[in-house]
Amino acid sequence: MGLNKTLLAVVSAVIATSSISIANAEDGINMEAGLGGQCMIFDVNTAAGLGDTMCGVSGTATAFFDLTDNGSFLLGVGVDGFYSLSSADGSAGGIDSKWDGNYIGGHVKARMPLSDDLSLELHTGYYSFNSEIELSAGGASATEDMDGSMWQVGAGLNWMMDDEWVLNLGYRYGTADVTLVGISGEIDTSVIDANISIKF
């Protein structure tokens, strides 16, 4: 499934985007990069033995452009990703399941201030979703890949803790188009995310 490669790609993208944005800070590009925690909640038939929630770490890097020159509307583009640390565990009919996943992709954000310290942020993103489901019963086990793509849209609140640090709390909703043992389907997905970013 390439979980380690995906995590490395997230970290590399954060570092690379940070370097580019720092170099262009004088040209009006403001950079934020951060880490946090995230839980993905899947709308699945838990009676079939699949767990519905996996939690882990998230990383994000965004370059913001001030379209109004006064900070009243910022448009951001960047990358973000997720790596599960806690699997979605389920059980049905004597068969136990462990479901782990990750994603990485690009996003577009719009940020509008609500006060000196708070701002509203709208988010849309498209991601490559990868996961593994391990099924076990009676001492025997089998692992299958369930991969695909995923759209997410949502909103969040940012608290500017000082001139450099930003706390973001967000919620996103999306649909994952996935394939398991040759069978394709859609899974509705909710994401609850909290991260702390540093501004450059």
C-alpha atoms as a PDB file:
ATOM      1  CA  MET A   1       0.000   0.000   0.000  1.00  0.00           C
ATOM      2  CA  GLY A   2       3.009   2.281   0.329  1.00  0.00           C
ATOM      3  CA  LEU A   3       2.123   3.946   3.632  1.00  0.00           C
ATOM      4  CA  ASN A   4       5.722   4.971   4.331  1.00  0.00           C
ATOM      5  CA  LYS A   5       6.117   6.429   0.834  1.00  0.00           C
ATOM      6  CA  THR A   6       2.896   8.395   1.267  1.00  0.00           C
ATOM      7  CA  LEU A   7       4.027   9.841   4.600  1.00  0.00           C
ATOM      8  CA  LEU A   8       7.399  10.731   3.076  1.00  0.00           C
ATOM      9  CA  ALA A   9       5.621  12.457   0.197  1.00  0.00           C
ATOM     10  CA  VAL A  10       3.561  14.560   2.626  1.00  0.00           C
ATOM     11  CA  VAL A  11       6.659  15.660   4.554  1.00  0.00           C
ATOM     12  CA  SER A  12       8.606  16.342   1.363  1.00  0.00           C
ATOM     13  CA  ALA A  13       5.757  18.408  -0.071  1.00  0.00           C
ATOM     14  CA  VAL A  14       5.547  20.489   3.111  1.00  0.00           C
ATOM     15  CA  ILE A  15       9.295  21.170   3.057  1.00  0.00           C
ATOM     16  CA  ALA A  16       9.383  21.904  -0.666  1.00  0.00           C
ATOM     17  CA  THR A  17       6.374  24.217  -0.597  1.00  0.00           C
ATOM     18  CA  SER A  18       7.776  26.014   2.446  1.00  0.00           C
ATOM     19  CA  SER A  19      11.079  26.617   0.670  1.00  0.00           C
ATOM     20  CA  ILE A  20       9.385  28.007  -2.429  1.00  0.00           C
ATOM     21  CA  SER A  21       7.075  30.251  -0.418  1.00  0.00           C
ATOM     22  CA  ILE A  22       9.832  31.613   1.835  1.00  0.00           C
ATOM     23  CA  ALA A  23      11.799  32.556  -1.258  1.00  0.00           C
ATOM     24  CA  ASN A  24       8.781  34.426  -2.634  1.00  0.00           C
ATOM     25  CA  ALA A  25       7.557  36.060   0.586  1.00  0.00           C
ATOM     26  CA  GLU A  26       8.556  39.483  -0.686  1.00  0.00           C
ATOM     27  CA  ASP A  27       6.347  38.933  -3.749  1.00  0.00           C
ATOM     28  CA  GLY A  28       3.197  38.778  -1.609  1.00  0.00           C
ATOM     29  CA  ILE A  29       2.997  35.021  -1.053  1.00  0.00           C
ATOM     30  CA  ASN A  30       2.314  34.065   2.563  1.00  0.00           C
ATOM     31  CA  MET A  31       3.092  30.505   3.598  1.00  0.00           C
ATOM     32  CA  GLU A  32       1.601  28.285   6.304  1.00  0.00           C
ATOM     33  CA  ALA A  33       2.768  24.762   7.099  1.00  0.00           C
ATOM     34  CA  GLY A  34       1.605  22.638   9.994  1.00  0.00           C
ATOM     35  CA  LEU A  35       0.857  19.293  11.601  1.00  0.00           C
ATOM     36  CA  GLY A  36      -2.128  18.070  13.540  1.00  0.00           C
ATOM     37  CA  GLY A  37      -4.555  15.269  14.282  1.00  0.00           C
ATOM     38  CA  GLN A  38      -7.439  14.016  12.208  1.00  0.00           C
ATOM     39  CA  CYS A  39     -10.249  11.479  12.367  1.00  0.00           C
ATOM     40  CA  MET A  40     -11.966  10.078   9.290  1.00  0.00           C
ATOM     41  CA  ILE A  41     -15.512   8.805   9.795  1.00  0.00           C
ATOM     42  CA  PHE A  42     -16.872   6.535   7.067  1.00  0.00           C
ATOM     43  CA  ASP A  43     -20.548   5.989   6.296  1.00  0.00           C
ATOM     44  CA  VAL A  44     -20.310   2.213   5.943  1.00  0.00           C
ATOM     45  CA  ASN A  45     -22.463  -0.739   6.867  1.00  0.00           C
ATOM     46  CA  THR A  46     -20.889  -1.616  10.220  1.00  0.00           C
ATOM     47  CA  ALA A  47     -23.146  -4.674  10.391  1.00  0.00           C
ATOM     48  CA  ALA A  48     -20.976  -6.091   7.591  1.00  0.00           C
ATOM     49  CA  GLY A  49     -17.971  -6.008   9.914  1.00  0.00           C
ATOM     50  CA  LEU A  50     -16.183  -2.817   8.884  1.00  0.00           C
ATOM     51  CA  GLY A  51     -15.151  -0.231  11.442  1.00  0.00           C
ATOM     52  CA  ASP A  52     -16.224   3.308  10.661  1.00  0.00           C
ATOM     53  CA  THR A  53     -13.564   5.564  12.252  1.00  0.00           C
ATOM     54  CA  MET A  54      -9.793   5.820  11.858  1.00  0.00           C
ATOM     55  CA  CYS A  55      -7.622   8.521  13.424  1.00  0.00           C
ATOM     56  CA  GLY A  56      -4.074   9.665  12.842  1.00  0.00           C
ATOM     57  CA  VAL A  57      -1.769  12.539  11.969  1.00  0.00           C
ATOM     58  CA  SER A  58      -2.271  15.140   9.261  1.00  0.00           C
ATOM     59  CA  GLY A  59       0.096  17.528   7.531  1.00  0.00           C
ATOM     60  CA  THR A  60      -0.609  20.600   5.427  1.00  0.00           C
ATOM     61  CA  ALA A  61       1.225  23.303   3.516  1.00  0.00           C
ATOM     62  CA  THR A  62      -0.503  26.236   1.810  1.00  0.00           C
ATOM     63  CA  ALA A  63       0.631  29.324  -0.064  1.00  0.00           C
ATOM     64  CA  PHE A  64      -1.867  32.174   0.445  1.00  0.00           C
ATOM     65  CA  PHE A  65      -2.323  35.087  -1.955  1.00  0.00           C
ATOM     66  CA  ASP A  66      -3.897  38.339  -0.744  1.00  0.00           C
ATOM     67  CA  LEU A  67      -6.308  39.196  -3.562  1.00  0.00           C
ATOM     68  CA  THR A  68      -7.448  42.463  -1.976  1.00  0.00           C
ATOM     69  CA  ASP A  69      -4.109  43.830  -0.691  1.00  0.00           C
ATOM     70  CA  ASN A  70      -5.752  44.467   2.696  1.00  0.00           C
ATOM     71  CA  GLY A  71      -6.178  40.920   4.022  1.00  0.00           C
ATOM     72  CA  SER A  72      -9.956  40.775   3.574  1.00  0.00           C
ATOM     73  CA  PHE A  73      -9.815  37.793   1.181  1.00  0.00           C
ATOM     74  CA  LEU A  74      -6.989  35.264   0.905  1.00  0.00           C
ATOM     75  CA  LEU A  75      -6.854  32.514  -1.703  1.00  0.00           C
ATOM     76  CA  GLY A  76      -4.625  29.544  -0.910  1.00  0.00           C
ATOM     77  CA  VAL A  77      -3.325  26.547  -2.841  1.00  0.00           C
ATOM     78  CA  GLY A  78      -1.329  23.703  -1.378  1.00  0.00           C
ATOM     79  CA  VAL A  79      -1.034  20.065  -0.371  1.00  0.00           C
ATOM     80  CA  ASP A  80      -2.212  18.048   2.610  1.00  0.00           C
ATOM     81  CA  GLY A  81      -2.339  14.447   3.697  1.00  0.00           C
ATOM     82  CA  PHE A  82      -3.318  11.967   6.396  1.00  0.00           C
ATOM     83  CA  TYR A  83      -1.668   8.866   7.877  1.00  0.00           C
ATOM     84  CA  SER A  84      -3.742   6.616  10.139  1.00  0.00           C
ATOM     85  CA  LEU A  85      -2.349   5.574  13.509  1.00  0.00           C
ATOM     86  CA  SER A  86      -5.562   4.083  14.898  1.00  0.00           C
ATOM     87  CA  SER A  87      -7.330   1.556  12.680  1.00  0.00           C
ATOM     88  CA  ALA A  88     -11.068   1.263  12.176  1.00  0.00           C
ATOM     89  CA  ASP A  89     -11.809  -2.065  13.853  1.00  0.00           C
ATOM     90  CA  GLY A  90     -14.956  -4.081  13.237  1.00  0.00           C
ATOM     91  CA  SER A  91     -16.394  -7.543  13.731  1.00  0.00           C
ATOM     92  CA  ALA A  92     -19.281  -9.555  12.313  1.00  0.00           C
ATOM     93  CA  GLY A  93     -20.096 -13.238  12.002  1.00  0.00           C
ATOM     94  CA  GLY A  94     -16.898 -14.314  13.739  1.00  0.00           C
ATOM     95  CA  ILE A  95     -14.716 -12.322  11.329  1.00  0.00           C
ATOM     96  CA  ASP A  96     -12.660  -9.415  12.688  1.00  0.00           C
ATOM     97  CA  SER A  97     -11.442  -6.548  10.534  1.00  0.00           C
ATOM     98  CA  LYS A  98      -8.749  -3.889  10.851  1.00  0.00           C
ATOM     99  CA  TRP A  99      -8.912  -0.991   8.380  1.00  0.00           C
ATOM    100  CA  ASP A 100      -5.979   1.408   7.974  1.00  0.00           C
ATOM    101  CA  GLY A 101      -5.653   4.159   5.401  1.00  0.00           C
ATOM    102  CA  ASN A 102      -3.970   7.306   4.196  1.00  0.00           C
ATOM    103  CA  TYR A 103      -4.394   9.985   1.574  1.00  0.00           C
ATOM    104  CA  ILE A 104      -2.451  12.788  -0.068  1.00  0.00           C
ATOM    105  CA  GLY A 105      -3.530  15.455  -2.522  1.00  0.00           C
ATOM    106  CA  GLY A 106      -4.020  19.098  -3.326  1.00  0.00           C
ATOM    107  CA  HIS A 107      -6.410  21.720  -2.012  1.00  0.00           C
ATOM    108  CA  VAL A 108      -7.743  25.219  -2.614  1.00  0.00           C
ATOM    109  CA  LYS A 109      -8.708  27.406   0.352  1.00  0.00           C
ATOM    110  CA  ALA A 110     -10.470  30.734   0.762  1.00  0.00           C
ATOM    111  CA  ARG A 111      -9.936  32.660   4.004  1.00  0.00           C
ATOM    112  CA  MET A 112     -11.959  35.643   5.236  1.00  0.00           C
ATOM    113  CA  PRO A 113     -11.392  37.460   8.559  1.00  0.00           C
ATOM    114  CA  LEU A 114     -14.163  37.554  11.161  1.00  0.00           C
ATOM    115  CA  SER A 115     -12.194  39.621  13.683  1.00  0.00           C
ATOM    116  CA  ASP A 116      -8.590  40.520  14.448  1.00  0.00           C
ATOM    117  CA  ASP A 117      -7.874  36.979  15.676  1.00  0.00           C
ATOM    118  CA  LEU A 118     -10.503  34.772  13.999  1.00  0.00           C
ATOM    119  CA  SER A 119     -11.079  33.915  10.357  1.00  0.00           C
ATOM    120  CA  LEU A 120     -13.385  31.644   8.369  1.00  0.00           C
ATOM    121  CA  GLU A 121     -11.768  29.184   5.991  1.00  0.00           C
ATOM    122  CA  LEU A 122     -13.444  27.270   3.148  1.00  0.00           C
ATOM    123  CA  HIS A 123     -11.713  24.158   1.826  1.00  0.00           C
ATOM    124  CA  THR A 124     -11.989  21.922  -1.218  1.00  0.00           C
ATOM    125  CA  GLY A 125      -9.534  19.197  -2.133  1.00  0.00           C
ATOM    126  CA  TYR A 126      -8.940  16.150  -4.307  1.00  0.00           C
ATOM    127  CA  TYR A 127      -6.930  13.224  -2.954  1.00  0.00           C
ATOM    128  CA  SER A 128      -5.501   9.809  -3.686  1.00  0.00           C
ATOM    129  CA  PHE A 129      -6.938   7.450  -1.057  1.00  0.00           C
ATOM    130  CA  ASN A 130      -5.164   4.207  -0.111  1.00  0.00           C
ATOM    131  CA  SER A 131      -6.185   1.681   2.511  1.00  0.00           C
ATOM    132  CA  GLU A 132      -5.751  -1.906   3.647  1.00  0.00           C
ATOM    133  CA  ILE A 133      -8.348  -4.144   5.228  1.00  0.00           C
ATOM    134  CA  GLU A 134      -7.126  -7.139   7.220  1.00  0.00           C
ATOM    135  CA  LEU A 135      -9.720  -9.858   7.828  1.00  0.00           C
ATOM    136  CA  SER A 136      -9.074 -12.576  10.400  1.00  0.00           C
ATOM    137  CA  ALA A 137     -10.983 -15.571  11.735  1.00  0.00           C
ATOM    138  CA  GLY A 138      -9.930 -18.723  13.544  1.00  0.00           C
ATOM    139  CA  GLY A 139      -6.242 -17.865  13.440  1.00  0.00           C
ATOM    140  CA  ALA A 140      -6.207 -17.233   9.682  1.00  0.00           C
ATOM    141  CA  SER A 141      -6.013 -13.796   8.104  1.00  0.00           C
ATOM    142  CA  ALA A 142      -6.033 -12.114   4.702  1.00  0.00           C
ATOM    143  CA  THR A 143      -5.275  -8.542   3.638  1.00  0.00           C
ATOM    144  CA  GLU A 144      -6.847  -6.681   0.736  1.00  0.00           C
ATOM    145  CA  ASP A 145      -6.135  -3.231  -0.699  1.00  0.00           C
ATOM    146  CA  MET A 146      -8.964  -0.728  -1.080  1.00  0.00           C
ATOM    147  CA  ASP A 147      -7.708   2.258  -3.056  1.00  0.00           C
ATOM    148  CA  GLY A 148      -9.251   5.107  -4.993  1.00  0.00           C
ATOM    149  CA  SER A 149      -9.776   8.857  -5.109  1.00  0.00           C
ATOM    150  CA  MET A 150     -11.636  11.246  -2.846  1.00  0.00           C
ATOM    151  CA  TRP A 151     -13.206  14.719  -2.972  1.00  0.00           C
ATOM    152  CA  GLN A 152     -13.626  16.809   0.175  1.00  0.00           C
ATOM    153  CA  VAL A 153     -15.324  20.138   0.834  1.00  0.00           C
ATOM    154  CA  GLY A 154     -15.708  21.867   4.175  1.00  0.00           C
ATOM    155  CA  ALA A 155     -15.091  24.810   6.438  1.00  0.00           C
ATOM    156  CA  GLY A 156     -13.063  25.705   9.493  1.00  0.00           C
ATOM    157  CA  LEU A 157     -12.136  28.410  11.944  1.00  0.00           C
ATOM    158  CA  ASN A 158      -8.640  29.817  12.357  1.00  0.00           C
ATOM    159  CA  TRP A 159      -7.395  31.437  15.541  1.00  0.00           C
ATOM    160  CA  MET A 160      -4.332  33.609  15.059  1.00  0.00           C
ATOM    161  CA  MET A 161      -2.545  32.876  18.339  1.00  0.00           C
ATOM    162  CA  ASP A 162       0.159  35.448  17.511  1.00  0.00           C
ATOM    163  CA  ASP A 163       1.914  36.796  14.421  1.00  0.00           C
ATOM    164  CA  GLU A 164       3.358  33.391  13.521  1.00  0.00           C
ATOM    165  CA  TRP A 165       1.137  30.592  14.873  1.00  0.00           C
ATOM    166  CA  VAL A 166      -2.334  29.607  13.666  1.00  0.00           C
ATOM    167  CA  LEU A 167      -4.730  27.066  15.215  1.00  0.00           C
ATOM    168  CA  ASN A 168      -7.223  25.567  12.768  1.00  0.00           C
ATOM    169  CA  LEU A 169     -10.315  23.519  13.611  1.00  0.00           C
ATOM    170  CA  GLY A 170     -12.174  22.166  10.612  1.00  0.00           C
ATOM    171  CA  TYR A 171     -14.809  19.794   9.287  1.00  0.00           C
ATOM    172  CA  ARG A 172     -14.946  18.370   5.782  1.00  0.00           C
ATOM    173  CA  TYR A 173     -17.276  16.029   3.942  1.00  0.00           C
ATOM    174  CA  GLY A 174     -16.571  14.040   0.825  1.00  0.00           C
ATOM    175  CA  THR A 175     -16.987  10.905  -1.230  1.00  0.00           C
ATOM    176  CA  ALA A 176     -14.320   8.279  -1.792  1.00  0.00           C
ATOM    177  CA  ASP A 177     -14.515   6.254  -5.007  1.00  0.00           C
ATOM    178  CA  VAL A 178     -12.765   3.016  -4.068  1.00  0.00           C
ATOM    179  CA  THR A 179     -12.098  -0.449  -5.457  1.00  0.00           C
ATOM    180  CA  LEU A 180     -11.921  -3.630  -3.349  1.00  0.00           C
ATOM    181  CA  VAL A 181     -11.128  -7.017  -4.976  1.00  0.00           C
ATOM    182  CA  GLY A 182     -12.244  -5.654  -8.336  1.00  0.00           C
ATOM    183  CA  ILE A 183     -15.519  -4.201  -7.059  1.00  0.00           C
ATOM    184  CA  SER A 184     -15.926  -0.417  -7.217  1.00  0.00           C
ATOM    185  CA  GLY A 185     -18.131   1.688  -4.989  1.00  0.00           C
ATOM    186  CA  GLU A 186     -18.545   4.973  -3.152  1.00  0.00           C
ATOM    187  CA  ILE A 187     -18.105   5.666   0.561  1.00  0.00           C
ATOM    188  CA  ASP A 188     -19.268   8.918   2.133  1.00  0.00           C
ATOM    189  CA  THR A 189     -16.568  10.323   4.387  1.00  0.00           C
ATOM    190  CA  SER A 190     -16.496  12.953   7.137  1.00  0.00           C
ATOM    191  CA  VAL A 191     -13.252  14.470   8.394  1.00  0.00           C
ATOM    192  CA  ILE A 192     -12.642  16.264  11.700  1.00  0.00           C
ATOM    193  CA  ASP A 193      -9.269  17.990  11.748  1.00  0.00           C
ATOM    194  CA  ALA A 194      -7.225  20.129  14.142  1.00  0.00           C
ATOM    195  CA  ASN A 195      -3.771  21.443  13.354  1.00  0.00           C
ATOM    196  CA  ILE A 196      -1.280  24.115  14.313  1.00  0.00           C
ATOM    197  CA  SER A 197       0.542  25.931  11.528  1.00  0.00           C
ATOM    198  CA  ILE A 198       3.435  28.344  11.461  1.00  0.00           C
ATOM    199  CA  LYS A 199       3.333  31.355   9.151  1.00  0.00           C
ATOM    200  CA  PHE A 200       6.339  32.392   7.072  1.00  0.00           C
END
